[in-house]
């Protein structure tokens, strides 16, 4: 029997083509189903990728804003460093503006921004280190300066204390080494050396006193001066109009006497001769020696 023979009606051949058609349609359906799910998957992937890039874009913007805020907290007195910080802040602002103007960022752009963000972050870290170092150095310098000022103030205070003690000691030595006139009597006398109290009868003014014993004073000859002030405060002058030194000034004196002082009490008198200028009133007498005032007295003329 021949199985490959075809009947006159052609049914076996038609069945073969039908089978081929069914197989083709089956394979076509499988292909279209595969393509449908593949395209859908790719679409979902693209949507997810777009969402991810938008999220990363927003994250980069926040990190840049945070970095800008950190730059605003960095303070330094170094003008050069301050200018560099301002430049970096401007770079961040420009990058922020650039990112904001992008409608949809792709993965490549996001990666580029991430790299730039990392570079900016490293630069900021270097500035933080520099500023911390400068601040630490400034703090040390400030502390050192404070210590120097404190030490200087202490030295000045000690110097002032020493100067004051020196002056006090010098004053004590000066006082201790100053001659003193005691038992002072100032009177007017007539031509017979008798005491009188009327101005018109006075021939001379006699001032007597005792120079006290003083072991510190250098012995030797020295001048003792008297200044007699009239009631109107005018000084009765010496005939020559000579002056003497007192505390850096030149003063008129009324009379003087040279004496050989040997560190023991010595009694002495000094006379001023009336030149006709005596009037009624109270007269003041001051005694000087070695440029210092060593005593004073008063007397009355009628």
Foldseek 3Di string as FASTA:
>chain_A
DDPPDADPVRVVVVVVVVVVVVVVVVVVVVVVVVVVVVVVVVVVVVVVQQVVLVVLLVVLLVLLVVLLVVLVPQDDPDPVLVVVSVVLSVVSVVVSVVSVPDPTDHPVVSVVSVVVSVVSVVVSVVSVVVSVVVVVVVVVVVVVVVVVVVVVVVVVVVVVVVVVVVVVVVVVLVVLQDWAWPPKDKFFAAPVRHGDQAQVRGFKIKIKTKTAAHPSHDWFKWKKFKWKAAPVRDTQADPVQAWDAAPNDTHGTQWMDIDGGDRHIDIDMTMGGDPPPHDFDKMKMWMDIPRDTRDIDMGGHD
